[in-house]
Amino acid sequence: MDVELRDTVDDDLPILFRHQLDSVASEMAAFPSRDREGFTAHQAKILADDTVLSRTIVIDGEVAGSLGSWDAEGERDVGYWIGREFWGRGIATAALRSFLEIETTRPLYAHVAVHNAGSRRVLDKCGFEVVREQRVDEVDELVMRMPTSIATS
């Protein structure tokens, strides 16, 4: 599978907006969907912030999702969102592995809802390890860390 990571362009935004509106995906991620105004404002903030590394995931010419990294509370965090029609094909794992070659900050952290087994597997395959469990805004989550290098498994 050929996973392309590229800078996000304006034409990607309607597709990424639709992805995050999916109620099943939103429940899985334990992250609420934004309305169009909130989504547009958030994307503008991301794209204007030089400390944020953001990429669109493209598979066979189709926008499959996005991923990025940012500074949060003294940690460098990574996150991703894959459109549900692309789930179960290894895209998140392949995209994150490629992204970890671009984002070289270590340690790198990820937060995943405890019930999100698919995302947990992606992070495990990419070398992240659970460092703690916590409850944030009524969501039980695992904090995972990529300690030093890219995993090869």
Protein backbone atom coordinates (compact mmCIF):
# COMPACT_ATOMS: atom_id res chain seq x y z
CA MET A 1 0.00 0.00 0.00
CA ASP A 2 1.31 3.40 -0.95
CA VAL A 3 0.60 5.90 1.81
CA GLU A 4 1.34 9.51 0.92
CA LEU A 5 1.70 12.18 3.59
CA ARG A 6 1.48 15.71 2.29
CA ASP A 7 0.82 19.20 3.55
CA THR A 8 -2.85 19.86 4.09
CA VAL A 9 -4.44 22.03 1.40
CA ASP A 10 -7.75 23.86 1.43
CA ASP A 11 -9.38 21.23 -0.81
CA ASP A 12 -8.75 18.61 1.92
CA LEU A 13 -10.75 20.44 4.56
CA PRO A 14 -14.29 19.47 3.45
CA ILE A 15 -13.27 15.80 3.43
CA LEU A 16 -11.53 16.03 6.81
CA PHE A 17 -14.57 17.86 8.17
CA ARG A 18 -16.82 15.02 6.99
CA HIS A 19 -14.52 12.41 8.57
CA GLN A 20 -14.73 14.04 11.99
CA LEU A 21 -18.53 14.33 11.77
CA ASP A 22 -18.85 10.52 11.75
CA SER A 23 -20.56 9.68 15.05
CA VAL A 24 -19.08 6.15 15.20
CA ALA A 25 -15.55 7.48 14.70
CA SER A 26 -16.15 10.29 17.16
CA GLU A 27 -17.37 7.83 19.80
CA MET A 28 -14.40 5.53 19.17
CA ALA A 29 -11.95 8.41 19.55
CA ALA A 30 -13.92 9.79 22.52
CA PHE A 31 -13.59 13.18 20.88
CA PRO A 32 -16.60 15.32 20.00
CA SER A 33 -17.20 16.46 16.45
CA ARG A 34 -16.91 20.15 15.72
CA ASP A 35 -19.45 22.17 13.79
CA ARG A 36 -18.20 23.72 10.54
CA GLU A 37 -17.27 27.04 12.19
CA GLY A 38 -15.37 25.32 15.02
CA PHE A 39 -13.63 22.95 12.61
CA THR A 40 -12.60 25.77 10.28
CA ALA A 41 -11.26 27.86 13.19
CA HIS A 42 -9.33 24.88 14.57
CA GLN A 43 -7.79 24.07 11.19
CA ALA A 44 -6.79 27.70 10.67
CA LYS A 45 -5.09 27.68 14.08
CA ILE A 46 -3.24 24.44 13.26
CA LEU A 47 -2.05 25.66 9.88
CA ALA A 48 -0.87 28.99 11.31
CA ASP A 49 1.14 27.44 14.15
CA ASP A 50 4.78 26.80 13.20
CA THR A 51 5.17 24.35 16.11
CA VAL A 52 2.44 22.06 14.72
CA LEU A 53 3.45 19.44 12.18
CA SER A 54 0.33 18.49 10.23
CA ARG A 55 -0.12 16.15 7.27
CA THR A 56 -2.97 14.80 5.16
CA ILE A 57 -2.98 11.05 4.51
CA VAL A 58 -3.63 10.19 0.86
CA ILE A 59 -4.28 6.66 -0.47
CA ASP A 60 -4.60 6.15 -4.24
CA GLY A 61 -5.36 9.85 -4.70
CA GLU A 62 -8.06 9.88 -2.01
CA VAL A 63 -7.85 11.77 1.28
CA ALA A 64 -8.00 9.05 3.93
CA GLY A 65 -7.33 11.15 7.03
CA SER A 66 -4.87 13.37 8.78
CA LEU A 67 -2.22 13.26 11.46
CA GLY A 68 -0.08 15.71 13.29
CA SER A 69 2.02 16.56 16.30
CA TRP A 70 1.96 19.51 18.65
CA ASP A 71 3.23 20.74 22.01
CA ALA A 72 0.88 20.17 24.94
CA GLU A 73 1.57 20.63 28.63
CA GLY A 74 5.31 20.06 28.33
CA GLU A 75 4.98 17.04 26.03
CA ARG A 76 5.08 16.57 22.27
CA ASP A 77 1.86 14.77 21.32
CA VAL A 78 0.82 12.97 18.15
CA GLY A 79 -2.67 12.21 16.92
CA TYR A 80 -4.44 10.98 13.82
CA TRP A 81 -7.91 10.61 12.37
CA ILE A 82 -8.77 8.11 9.66
CA GLY A 83 -12.05 8.22 7.75
CA ARG A 84 -14.11 5.19 8.75
CA GLU A 85 -14.31 3.95 5.16
CA PHE A 86 -10.52 3.42 5.40
CA TRP A 87 -10.48 1.51 8.71
CA GLY A 88 -9.07 -2.00 8.90
CA ARG A 89 -6.60 -1.64 6.01
CA GLY A 90 -3.42 -0.80 7.94
CA ILE A 91 -3.49 2.81 6.79
CA ALA A 92 -3.16 4.37 10.25
CA THR A 93 -0.15 2.17 11.08
CA ALA A 94 1.57 2.87 7.75
CA ALA A 95 0.86 6.60 7.99
CA LEU A 96 2.08 6.86 11.58
CA ARG A 97 5.26 4.95 10.75
CA SER A 98 5.97 7.37 7.90
CA PHE A 99 5.12 10.34 10.09
CA LEU A 100 7.57 9.16 12.76
CA GLU A 101 10.35 9.60 10.20
CA ILE A 102 9.34 13.27 9.85
CA GLU A 103 8.52 13.97 13.50
CA THR A 104 11.76 13.00 15.23
CA THR A 105 11.06 14.47 18.68
CA ARG A 106 11.40 11.84 21.38
CA PRO A 107 9.81 11.11 23.64
CA LEU A 108 6.58 11.50 21.70
CA TYR A 109 3.22 10.93 23.38
CA ALA A 110 -0.22 9.77 22.27
CA HIS A 111 -3.50 9.70 24.17
CA VAL A 112 -5.98 6.96 23.29
CA ALA A 113 -9.38 6.13 24.76
CA VAL A 114 -9.17 2.84 26.67
CA HIS A 115 -12.04 1.39 24.57
CA ASN A 116 -10.31 2.22 21.25
CA ALA A 117 -8.58 -1.12 20.65
CA GLY A 118 -7.79 -0.36 17.00
CA SER A 119 -5.89 2.82 17.78
CA ARG A 120 -4.14 1.10 20.66
CA ARG A 121 -2.90 -1.58 18.21
CA VAL A 122 -1.64 1.10 15.81
CA LEU A 123 0.37 2.73 18.59
CA ASP A 124 1.69 -0.63 19.84
CA LYS A 125 2.85 -1.59 16.33
CA CYS A 126 4.66 1.73 16.02
CA GLY A 127 6.61 1.25 19.25
CA PHE A 128 4.56 3.28 21.72
CA GLU A 129 4.33 1.96 25.28
CA VAL A 130 1.69 2.65 27.92
CA VAL A 131 3.06 4.96 30.61
CA ARG A 132 -0.13 5.70 32.54
CA GLU A 133 -3.89 5.55 32.58
CA GLN A 134 -5.91 8.63 33.41
CA ARG A 135 -9.40 10.05 33.31
CA VAL A 136 -9.87 13.31 31.40
CA ASP A 137 -13.27 14.92 30.84
CA GLU A 138 -15.05 11.68 31.80
CA VAL A 139 -12.93 9.63 29.34
CA ASP A 140 -10.64 6.84 30.50
CA GLU A 141 -7.51 7.08 28.40
CA LEU A 142 -4.09 5.58 28.08
CA VAL A 143 -1.09 7.84 27.71
CA MET A 144 1.44 6.11 25.49
CA ARG A 145 5.00 7.11 24.71
CA MET A 146 7.44 6.51 21.89
CA PRO A 147 10.59 6.49 24.00
CA THR A 148 13.57 6.75 21.68
CA SER A 149 13.26 5.40 18.16
CA ILE A 150 10.97 4.13 15.46
CA ALA A 151 9.80 0.57 15.89
CA THR A 152 10.36 -1.87 13.06
CA SER A 153 7.74 -4.51 13.90
